[in-house]
Amino acid sequence: MTKGTQAFGKRHTKSHTLCRRCGRRSFHNQKKTCSQCGYPAARLRHYEWSEKGKRRKTTGTGRMRYLKHVTRRFKNGFREGSTTKKPASA
């Protein structure tokens, strides 16, 4: 057999499927690990040698459902349940 045109017709198995954490087609079927995010490891996969890769996955690239409100709450001292007093009209 050759490594060229004839061999490409035999390629019909998928080594990677969709990852349930990052959504990319990077989850290896036999290894059961994602080559993109490292799932099922608890920590996200990132390395110092990949500056752009870290930039794509860092904090602030997603929705930040919790974190976007923290700065405002910090400014008010994390107070909750109280209402502001109406200023007395003079």
PDB file of N, CA and C in Angstrom:
ATOM      1  N   MET A   1       0.841  -1.201   0.000  1.00  0.00           N
ATOM      2  CA  MET A   1       0.000   0.000   0.000  1.00  0.00           C
ATOM      3  C   MET A   1       0.877   1.252   0.000  1.00  0.00           C
ATOM      4  N   THR A   2       0.286   2.295  -0.491  1.00  0.00           N
ATOM      5  CA  THR A   2       0.985   3.576  -0.491  1.00  0.00           C
ATOM      6  C   THR A   2       0.419   4.477   0.604  1.00  0.00           C
ATOM      7  N   LYS A   3       1.099   5.596   0.808  1.00  0.00           N
ATOM      8  CA  LYS A   3       0.650   6.533   1.832  1.00  0.00           C
ATOM      9  C   LYS A   3      -0.149   7.675   1.231  1.00  0.00           C
ATOM     10  N   GLY A   4      -0.426   7.591  -0.052  1.00  0.00           N
ATOM     11  CA  GLY A   4      -1.064   8.702  -0.749  1.00  0.00           C
ATOM     12  C   GLY A   4      -2.557   8.541  -0.931  1.00  0.00           C
ATOM     13  N   THR A   5      -3.002   8.717  -2.167  1.00  0.00           N
ATOM     14  CA  THR A   5      -4.417   8.813  -2.492  1.00  0.00           C
ATOM     15  C   THR A   5      -5.225   7.606  -2.030  1.00  0.00           C
ATOM     16  N   GLN A   6      -4.732   6.399  -2.241  1.00  0.00           N
ATOM     17  CA  GLN A   6      -5.493   5.208  -1.883  1.00  0.00           C
ATOM     18  C   GLN A   6      -5.696   5.107  -0.372  1.00  0.00           C
ATOM     19  N   ALA A   7      -4.686   5.526   0.389  1.00  0.00           N
ATOM     20  CA  ALA A   7      -4.761   5.404   1.842  1.00  0.00           C
ATOM     21  C   ALA A   7      -5.788   6.352   2.446  1.00  0.00           C
ATOM     22  N   PHE A   8      -6.048   7.460   1.782  1.00  0.00           N
ATOM     23  CA  PHE A   8      -6.987   8.428   2.348  1.00  0.00           C
ATOM     24  C   PHE A   8      -8.423   7.919   2.310  1.00  0.00           C
ATOM     25  N   GLY A   9      -8.712   6.976   1.441  1.00  0.00           N
ATOM     26  CA  GLY A   9     -10.056   6.413   1.386  1.00  0.00           C
ATOM     27  C   GLY A   9     -10.377   5.528   2.574  1.00  0.00           C
ATOM     28  N   LYS A  10      -9.357   5.091   3.303  1.00  0.00           N
ATOM     29  CA  LYS A  10      -9.563   4.204   4.443  1.00  0.00           C
ATOM     30  C   LYS A  10      -9.772   4.973   5.750  1.00  0.00           C
ATOM     31  N   ARG A  11      -9.672   6.283   5.684  1.00  0.00           N
ATOM     32  CA  ARG A  11      -9.789   7.077   6.907  1.00  0.00           C
ATOM     33  C   ARG A  11     -11.256   7.389   7.189  1.00  0.00           C
ATOM     34  N   HIS A  12     -11.864   6.641   8.069  1.00  0.00           N
ATOM     35  CA  HIS A  12     -13.268   6.896   8.410  1.00  0.00           C
ATOM     36  C   HIS A  12     -13.553   6.751   9.893  1.00  0.00           C
ATOM     37  N   THR A  13     -12.513   6.602  10.707  1.00  0.00           N
ATOM     38  CA  THR A  13     -12.735   6.561  12.155  1.00  0.00           C
ATOM     39  C   THR A  13     -12.292   7.885  12.765  1.00  0.00           C
ATOM     40  N   LYS A  14     -12.991   8.299  13.799  1.00  0.00           N
ATOM     41  CA  LYS A  14     -12.671   9.572  14.442  1.00  0.00           C
ATOM     42  C   LYS A  14     -11.960   9.305  15.759  1.00  0.00           C
ATOM     43  N   SER A  15     -10.799   9.912  15.925  1.00  0.00           N
ATOM     44  CA  SER A  15     -10.071   9.758  17.187  1.00  0.00           C
ATOM     45  C   SER A  15     -10.561  10.764  18.214  1.00  0.00           C
ATOM     46  N   HIS A  16     -11.099  11.905  17.770  1.00  0.00           N
ATOM     47  CA  HIS A  16     -11.570  12.940  18.682  1.00  0.00           C
ATOM     48  C   HIS A  16     -13.059  13.211  18.475  1.00  0.00           C
ATOM     49  N   THR A  17     -13.770  13.431  19.595  1.00  0.00           N
ATOM     50  CA  THR A  17     -15.181  13.826  19.544  1.00  0.00           C
ATOM     51  C   THR A  17     -15.328  15.138  20.306  1.00  0.00           C
ATOM     52  N   LEU A  18     -16.573  15.609  20.432  1.00  0.00           N
ATOM     53  CA  LEU A  18     -16.837  16.876  21.093  1.00  0.00           C
ATOM     54  C   LEU A  18     -16.585  16.766  22.593  1.00  0.00           C
ATOM     55  N   CYS A  19     -15.962  17.802  23.143  1.00  0.00           N
ATOM     56  CA  CYS A  19     -15.697  17.876  24.580  1.00  0.00           C
ATOM     57  C   CYS A  19     -16.895  18.541  25.251  1.00  0.00           C
ATOM     58  N   ARG A  20     -17.324  17.996  26.390  1.00  0.00           N
ATOM     59  CA  ARG A  20     -18.494  18.563  27.042  1.00  0.00           C
ATOM     60  C   ARG A  20     -18.171  19.819  27.836  1.00  0.00           C
ATOM     61  N   ARG A  21     -16.891  20.110  28.077  1.00  0.00           N
ATOM     62  CA  ARG A  21     -16.524  21.334  28.795  1.00  0.00           C
ATOM     63  C   ARG A  21     -16.242  22.500  27.847  1.00  0.00           C
ATOM     64  N   CYS A  22     -15.360  22.296  26.847  1.00  0.00           N
ATOM     65  CA  CYS A  22     -14.989  23.418  25.978  1.00  0.00           C
ATOM     66  C   CYS A  22     -15.769  23.418  24.671  1.00  0.00           C
ATOM     67  N   GLY A  23     -16.401  22.295  24.311  1.00  0.00           N
ATOM     68  CA  GLY A  23     -17.234  22.252  23.107  1.00  0.00           C
ATOM     69  C   GLY A  23     -16.472  21.995  21.830  1.00  0.00           C
ATOM     70  N   ARG A  24     -15.151  21.891  21.906  1.00  0.00           N
ATOM     71  CA  ARG A  24     -14.357  21.654  20.703  1.00  0.00           C
ATOM     72  C   ARG A  24     -14.263  20.159  20.398  1.00  0.00           C
ATOM     73  N   ARG A  25     -13.880  19.827  19.180  1.00  0.00           N
ATOM     74  CA  ARG A  25     -13.743  18.422  18.775  1.00  0.00           C
ATOM     75  C   ARG A  25     -12.351  17.952  19.149  1.00  0.00           C
ATOM     76  N   SER A  26     -12.059  17.939  20.447  1.00  0.00           N
ATOM     77  CA  SER A  26     -10.725  17.662  20.947  1.00  0.00           C
ATOM     78  C   SER A  26     -10.695  16.573  22.003  1.00  0.00           C
ATOM     79  N   PHE A  27     -11.824  15.946  22.277  1.00  0.00           N
ATOM     80  CA  PHE A  27     -11.872  14.905  23.297  1.00  0.00           C
ATOM     81  C   PHE A  27     -11.466  13.575  22.676  1.00  0.00           C
ATOM     82  N   HIS A  28     -10.341  13.023  23.125  1.00  0.00           N
ATOM     83  CA  HIS A  28      -9.798  11.787  22.562  1.00  0.00           C
ATOM     84  C   HIS A  28     -10.590  10.588  23.069  1.00  0.00           C
ATOM     85  N   ASN A  29     -11.085   9.765  22.149  1.00  0.00           N
ATOM     86  CA  ASN A  29     -11.962   8.659  22.524  1.00  0.00           C
ATOM     87  C   ASN A  29     -11.256   7.598  23.355  1.00  0.00           C
ATOM     88  N   GLN A  30     -10.039   7.244  22.992  1.00  0.00           N
ATOM     89  CA  GLN A  30      -9.338   6.192  23.721  1.00  0.00           C
ATOM     90  C   GLN A  30      -8.688   6.713  24.995  1.00  0.00           C
ATOM     91  N   LYS A  31      -8.092   7.896  24.926  1.00  0.00           N
ATOM     92  CA  LYS A  31      -7.439   8.469  26.111  1.00  0.00           C
ATOM     93  C   LYS A  31      -8.442   9.036  27.108  1.00  0.00           C
ATOM     94  N   LYS A  32      -9.645   9.378  26.625  1.00  0.00           N
ATOM     95  CA  LYS A  32     -10.688   9.996  27.438  1.00  0.00           C
ATOM     96  C   LYS A  32     -10.234  11.312  28.062  1.00  0.00           C
ATOM     97  N   THR A  33      -9.428  12.066  27.332  1.00  0.00           N
ATOM     98  CA  THR A  33      -9.023  13.394  27.783  1.00  0.00           C
ATOM     99  C   THR A  33      -9.158  14.374  26.621  1.00  0.00           C
ATOM    100  N   CYS A  34      -9.385  15.628  26.972  1.00  0.00           N
ATOM    101  CA  CYS A  34      -9.505  16.666  25.954  1.00  0.00           C
ATOM    102  C   CYS A  34      -8.142  17.297  25.732  1.00  0.00           C
ATOM    103  N   SER A  35      -7.744  17.405  24.482  1.00  0.00           N
ATOM    104  CA  SER A  35      -6.440  17.975  24.172  1.00  0.00           C
ATOM    105  C   SER A  35      -6.462  19.500  24.233  1.00  0.00           C
ATOM    106  N   GLN A  36      -7.639  20.096  24.288  1.00  0.00           N
ATOM    107  CA  GLN A  36      -7.741  21.546  24.338  1.00  0.00           C
ATOM    108  C   GLN A  36      -7.814  22.067  25.770  1.00  0.00           C
ATOM    109  N   CYS A  37      -8.760  21.552  26.556  1.00  0.00           N
ATOM    110  CA  CYS A  37      -8.972  22.099  27.900  1.00  0.00           C
ATOM    111  C   CYS A  37      -8.495  21.161  29.000  1.00  0.00           C
ATOM    112  N   GLY A  38      -8.182  19.912  28.673  1.00  0.00           N
ATOM    113  CA  GLY A  38      -7.679  18.979  29.668  1.00  0.00           C
ATOM    114  C   GLY A  38      -8.746  18.219  30.427  1.00  0.00           C
ATOM    115  N   TYR A  39     -10.017  18.381  30.057  1.00  0.00           N
ATOM    116  CA  TYR A  39     -11.104  17.650  30.711  1.00  0.00           C
ATOM    117  C   TYR A  39     -10.808  16.154  30.644  1.00  0.00           C
ATOM    118  N   PRO A  40     -11.002  15.377  31.702  1.00  0.00           N
ATOM    119  CA  PRO A  40     -11.741  15.614  32.943  1.00  0.00           C
ATOM    120  C   PRO A  40     -10.913  16.162  34.097  1.00  0.00           C
ATOM    121  N   ALA A  41      -9.733  16.687  33.874  1.00  0.00           N
ATOM    122  CA  ALA A  41      -8.960  17.287  34.955  1.00  0.00           C
ATOM    123  C   ALA A  41      -9.699  18.510  35.497  1.00  0.00           C
ATOM    124  N   ALA A  42      -9.559  18.746  36.783  1.00  0.00           N
ATOM    125  CA  ALA A  42     -10.276  19.845  37.425  1.00  0.00           C
ATOM    126  C   ALA A  42      -9.790  21.200  36.925  1.00  0.00           C
ATOM    127  N   ARG A  43      -8.482  21.316  36.690  1.00  0.00           N
ATOM    128  CA  ARG A  43      -7.929  22.588  36.244  1.00  0.00           C
ATOM    129  C   ARG A  43      -7.904  22.669  34.717  1.00  0.00           C
ATOM    130  N   LEU A  44      -8.119  23.872  34.201  1.00  0.00           N
ATOM    131  CA  LEU A  44      -8.064  24.075  32.757  1.00  0.00           C
ATOM    132  C   LEU A  44      -6.628  23.946  32.259  1.00  0.00           C
ATOM    133  N   ARG A  45      -6.477  23.349  31.109  1.00  0.00           N
ATOM    134  CA  ARG A  45      -5.154  23.145  30.529  1.00  0.00           C
ATOM    135  C   ARG A  45      -4.648  24.464  29.950  1.00  0.00           C
ATOM    136  N   HIS A  46      -3.488  24.934  30.416  1.00  0.00           N
ATOM    137  CA  HIS A  46      -2.820  26.092  29.836  1.00  0.00           C
ATOM    138  C   HIS A  46      -1.342  26.019  30.165  1.00  0.00           C
ATOM    139  N   TYR A  47      -0.529  26.509  29.256  1.00  0.00           N
ATOM    140  CA  TYR A  47       0.919  26.442  29.413  1.00  0.00           C
ATOM    141  C   TYR A  47       1.539  27.813  29.189  1.00  0.00           C
ATOM    142  N   GLU A  48       2.694  28.031  29.812  1.00  0.00           N
ATOM    143  CA  GLU A  48       3.387  29.305  29.698  1.00  0.00           C
ATOM    144  C   GLU A  48       3.950  29.525  28.292  1.00  0.00           C
ATOM    145  N   TRP A  49       4.226  28.437  27.556  1.00  0.00           N
ATOM    146  CA  TRP A  49       4.823  28.595  26.232  1.00  0.00           C
ATOM    147  C   TRP A  49       3.809  29.019  25.181  1.00  0.00           C
ATOM    148  N   SER A  50       2.537  29.060  25.545  1.00  0.00           N
ATOM    149  CA  SER A  50       1.518  29.464  24.581  1.00  0.00           C
ATOM    150  C   SER A  50       0.850  30.750  25.055  1.00  0.00           C
ATOM    151  N   GLU A  51       1.374  31.875  24.608  1.00  0.00           N
ATOM    152  CA  GLU A  51       0.834  33.169  25.036  1.00  0.00           C
ATOM    153  C   GLU A  51      -0.552  33.415  24.449  1.00  0.00           C
ATOM    154  N   LYS A  52      -0.712  33.108  23.168  1.00  0.00           N
ATOM    155  CA  LYS A  52      -2.008  33.330  22.525  1.00  0.00           C
ATOM    156  C   LYS A  52      -3.077  32.385  23.065  1.00  0.00           C
ATOM    157  N   GLY A  53      -2.667  31.154  23.351  1.00  0.00           N
ATOM    158  CA  GLY A  53      -3.613  30.185  23.888  1.00  0.00           C
ATOM    159  C   GLY A  53      -4.168  30.610  25.235  1.00  0.00           C
ATOM    160  N   LYS A  54      -3.310  31.204  26.065  1.00  0.00           N
ATOM    161  CA  LYS A  54      -3.753  31.703  27.364  1.00  0.00           C
ATOM    162  C   LYS A  54      -4.681  32.899  27.189  1.00  0.00           C
ATOM    163  N   ARG A  55      -4.394  33.723  26.205  1.00  0.00           N
ATOM    164  CA  ARG A  55      -5.198  34.921  25.950  1.00  0.00           C
ATOM    165  C   ARG A  55      -6.623  34.551  25.536  1.00  0.00           C
ATOM    166  N   ARG A  56      -6.755  33.458  24.819  1.00  0.00           N
ATOM    167  CA  ARG A  56      -8.082  33.045  24.349  1.00  0.00           C
ATOM    168  C   ARG A  56      -8.969  32.507  25.469  1.00  0.00           C
ATOM    169  N   LYS A  57      -8.327  31.927  26.485  1.00  0.00           N
ATOM    170  CA  LYS A  57      -9.099  31.235  27.517  1.00  0.00           C
ATOM    171  C   LYS A  57      -9.140  31.943  28.860  1.00  0.00           C
ATOM    172  N   THR A  58      -8.517  33.123  28.981  1.00  0.00           N
ATOM    173  CA  THR A  58      -8.361  33.763  30.283  1.00  0.00           C
ATOM    174  C   THR A  58      -9.663  34.384  30.774  1.00  0.00           C
ATOM    175  N   THR A  59      -9.653  34.853  32.015  1.00  0.00           N
ATOM    176  CA  THR A  59     -10.817  35.499  32.604  1.00  0.00           C
ATOM    177  C   THR A  59     -11.173  36.754  31.823  1.00  0.00           C
ATOM    178  N   GLY A  60     -12.454  36.902  31.512  1.00  0.00           N
ATOM    179  CA  GLY A  60     -12.905  38.068  30.759  1.00  0.00           C
ATOM    180  C   GLY A  60     -13.256  37.742  29.330  1.00  0.00           C
ATOM    181  N   THR A  61     -12.926  36.553  28.857  1.00  0.00           N
ATOM    182  CA  THR A  61     -13.281  36.186  27.493  1.00  0.00           C
ATOM    183  C   THR A  61     -14.655  35.532  27.444  1.00  0.00           C
ATOM    184  N   GLY A  62     -15.204  35.198  28.598  1.00  0.00           N
ATOM    185  CA  GLY A  62     -16.530  34.600  28.661  1.00  0.00           C
ATOM    186  C   GLY A  62     -17.552  35.590  29.203  1.00  0.00           C
ATOM    187  N   ARG A  63     -18.634  35.073  29.781  1.00  0.00           N
ATOM    188  CA  ARG A  63     -19.709  35.925  30.261  1.00  0.00           C
ATOM    189  C   ARG A  63     -19.396  36.586  31.594  1.00  0.00           C
ATOM    190  N   MET A  64     -18.606  35.914  32.433  1.00  0.00           N
ATOM    191  CA  MET A  64     -18.264  36.406  33.782  1.00  0.00           C
ATOM    192  C   MET A  64     -19.539  36.722  34.578  1.00  0.00           C
ATOM    193  N   ARG A  65     -20.455  35.752  34.662  1.00  0.00           N
ATOM    194  CA  ARG A  65     -21.747  35.971  35.288  1.00  0.00           C
ATOM    195  C   ARG A  65     -21.638  36.439  36.729  1.00  0.00           C
ATOM    196  N   TYR A  66     -20.639  35.930  37.458  1.00  0.00           N
ATOM    197  CA  TYR A  66     -20.464  36.326  38.858  1.00  0.00           C
ATOM    198  C   TYR A  66     -19.471  37.477  38.990  1.00  0.00           C
ATOM    199  N   LEU A  67     -18.348  37.359  38.293  1.00  0.00           N
ATOM    200  CA  LEU A  67     -17.214  38.245  38.527  1.00  0.00           C
ATOM    201  C   LEU A  67     -17.447  39.691  38.089  1.00  0.00           C
ATOM    202  N   LYS A  68     -18.368  39.892  37.120  1.00  0.00           N
ATOM    203  CA  LYS A  68     -18.552  41.253  36.630  1.00  0.00           C
ATOM    204  C   LYS A  68     -19.257  42.149  37.642  1.00  0.00           C
ATOM    205  N   HIS A  69     -19.890  41.562  38.663  1.00  0.00           N
ATOM    206  CA  HIS A  69     -20.572  42.360  39.674  1.00  0.00           C
ATOM    207  C   HIS A  69     -19.729  42.567  40.924  1.00  0.00           C
ATOM    208  N   VAL A  70     -18.613  41.858  41.047  1.00  0.00           N
ATOM    209  CA  VAL A  70     -17.832  41.877  42.279  1.00  0.00           C
ATOM    210  C   VAL A  70     -17.215  43.252  42.538  1.00  0.00           C
ATOM    211  N   THR A  71     -16.711  43.925  41.514  1.00  0.00           N
ATOM    212  CA  THR A  71     -16.064  45.224  41.726  1.00  0.00           C
ATOM    213  C   THR A  71     -17.051  46.247  42.279  1.00  0.00           C
ATOM    214  N   ARG A  72     -18.269  46.239  41.784  1.00  0.00           N
ATOM    215  CA  ARG A  72     -19.293  47.167  42.275  1.00  0.00           C
ATOM    216  C   ARG A  72     -19.650  46.843  43.714  1.00  0.00           C
ATOM    217  N   ARG A  73     -19.793  45.562  44.034  1.00  0.00           N
ATOM    218  CA  ARG A  73     -20.130  45.157  45.400  1.00  0.00           C
ATOM    219  C   ARG A  73     -18.985  45.451  46.365  1.00  0.00           C
ATOM    220  N   PHE A  74     -17.748  45.329  45.882  1.00  0.00           N
ATOM    221  CA  PHE A  74     -16.586  45.634  46.714  1.00  0.00           C
ATOM    222  C   PHE A  74     -16.544  47.116  47.078  1.00  0.00           C
ATOM    223  N   LYS A  75     -16.918  47.947  46.098  1.00  0.00           N
ATOM    224  CA  LYS A  75     -16.915  49.391  46.307  1.00  0.00           C
ATOM    225  C   LYS A  75     -17.886  49.790  47.422  1.00  0.00           C
ATOM    226  N   ASN A  76     -18.973  49.023  47.570  1.00  0.00           N
ATOM    227  CA  ASN A  76     -19.971  49.307  48.596  1.00  0.00           C
ATOM    228  C   ASN A  76     -19.741  48.496  49.867  1.00  0.00           C
ATOM    229  N   GLY A  77     -18.628  47.805  49.943  1.00  0.00           N
ATOM    230  CA  GLY A  77     -18.339  47.035  51.157  1.00  0.00           C
ATOM    231  C   GLY A  77     -19.157  45.764  51.279  1.00  0.00           C
ATOM    232  N   PHE A  78     -19.629  45.217  50.177  1.00  0.00           N
ATOM    233  CA  PHE A  78     -20.398  43.972  50.135  1.00  0.00           C
ATOM    234  C   PHE A  78     -21.645  44.024  51.014  1.00  0.00           C
ATOM    235  N   ARG A  79     -22.252  45.196  51.111  1.00  0.00           N
ATOM    236  CA  ARG A  79     -23.482  45.289  51.903  1.00  0.00           C
ATOM    237  C   ARG A  79     -24.638  44.688  51.117  1.00  0.00           C
ATOM    238  N   GLU A  80     -25.573  44.087  51.833  1.00  0.00           N
ATOM    239  CA  GLU A  80     -26.726  43.444  51.183  1.00  0.00           C
ATOM    240  C   GLU A  80     -27.978  43.688  51.995  1.00  0.00           C
ATOM    241  N   GLY A  81     -29.108  43.742  51.326  1.00  0.00           N
ATOM    242  CA  GLY A  81     -30.399  43.790  51.993  1.00  0.00           C
ATOM    243  C   GLY A  81     -30.824  45.161  52.505  1.00  0.00           C
ATOM    244  N   SER A  82     -29.970  46.165  52.433  1.00  0.00           N
ATOM    245  CA  SER A  82     -30.339  47.491  52.927  1.00  0.00           C
ATOM    246  C   SER A  82     -30.698  48.386  51.755  1.00  0.00           C
ATOM    247  N   THR A  83     -31.549  49.352  52.015  1.00  0.00           N
ATOM    248  CA  THR A  83     -31.924  50.301  50.969  1.00  0.00           C
ATOM    249  C   THR A  83     -31.283  51.646  51.283  1.00  0.00           C
ATOM    250  N   THR A  84     -31.046  52.427  50.258  1.00  0.00           N
ATOM    251  CA  THR A  84     -30.419  53.732  50.454  1.00  0.00           C
ATOM    252  C   THR A  84     -31.454  54.722  50.967  1.00  0.00           C
ATOM    253  N   LYS A  85     -31.003  55.652  51.789  1.00  0.00           N
ATOM    254  CA  LYS A  85     -31.903  56.679  52.311  1.00  0.00           C
ATOM    255  C   LYS A  85     -32.115  57.740  51.242  1.00  0.00           C
ATOM    256  N   LYS A  86     -33.363  58.202  51.151  1.00  0.00           N
ATOM    257  CA  LYS A  86     -33.659  59.249  50.169  1.00  0.00           C
ATOM    258  C   LYS A  86     -33.135  60.567  50.699  1.00  0.00           C
ATOM    259  N   PRO A  87     -32.485  61.346  49.859  1.00  0.00           N
ATOM    260  CA  PRO A  87     -31.973  62.637  50.341  1.00  0.00           C
ATOM    261  C   PRO A  87     -33.117  63.592  50.669  1.00  0.00           C
ATOM    262  N   ALA A  88     -32.981  64.297  51.780  1.00  0.00           N
ATOM    263  CA  ALA A  88     -34.014  65.252  52.195  1.00  0.00           C
ATOM    264  C   ALA A  88     -33.982  66.444  51.262  1.00  0.00           C
ATOM    265  N   SER A  89     -35.144  66.733  50.678  1.00  0.00           N
ATOM    266  CA  SER A  89     -35.203  67.876  49.745  1.00  0.00           C
ATOM    267  C   SER A  89     -35.250  69.183  50.545  1.00  0.00           C
ATOM    268  N   ALA A  90     -34.330  70.099  50.224  1.00  0.00           N
ATOM    269  CA  ALA A  90     -34.268  71.356  50.975  1.00  0.00           C
ATOM    270  C   ALA A  90     -34.857  72.508  50.195  1.00  0.00           C
TER     271      ALA A  90
END
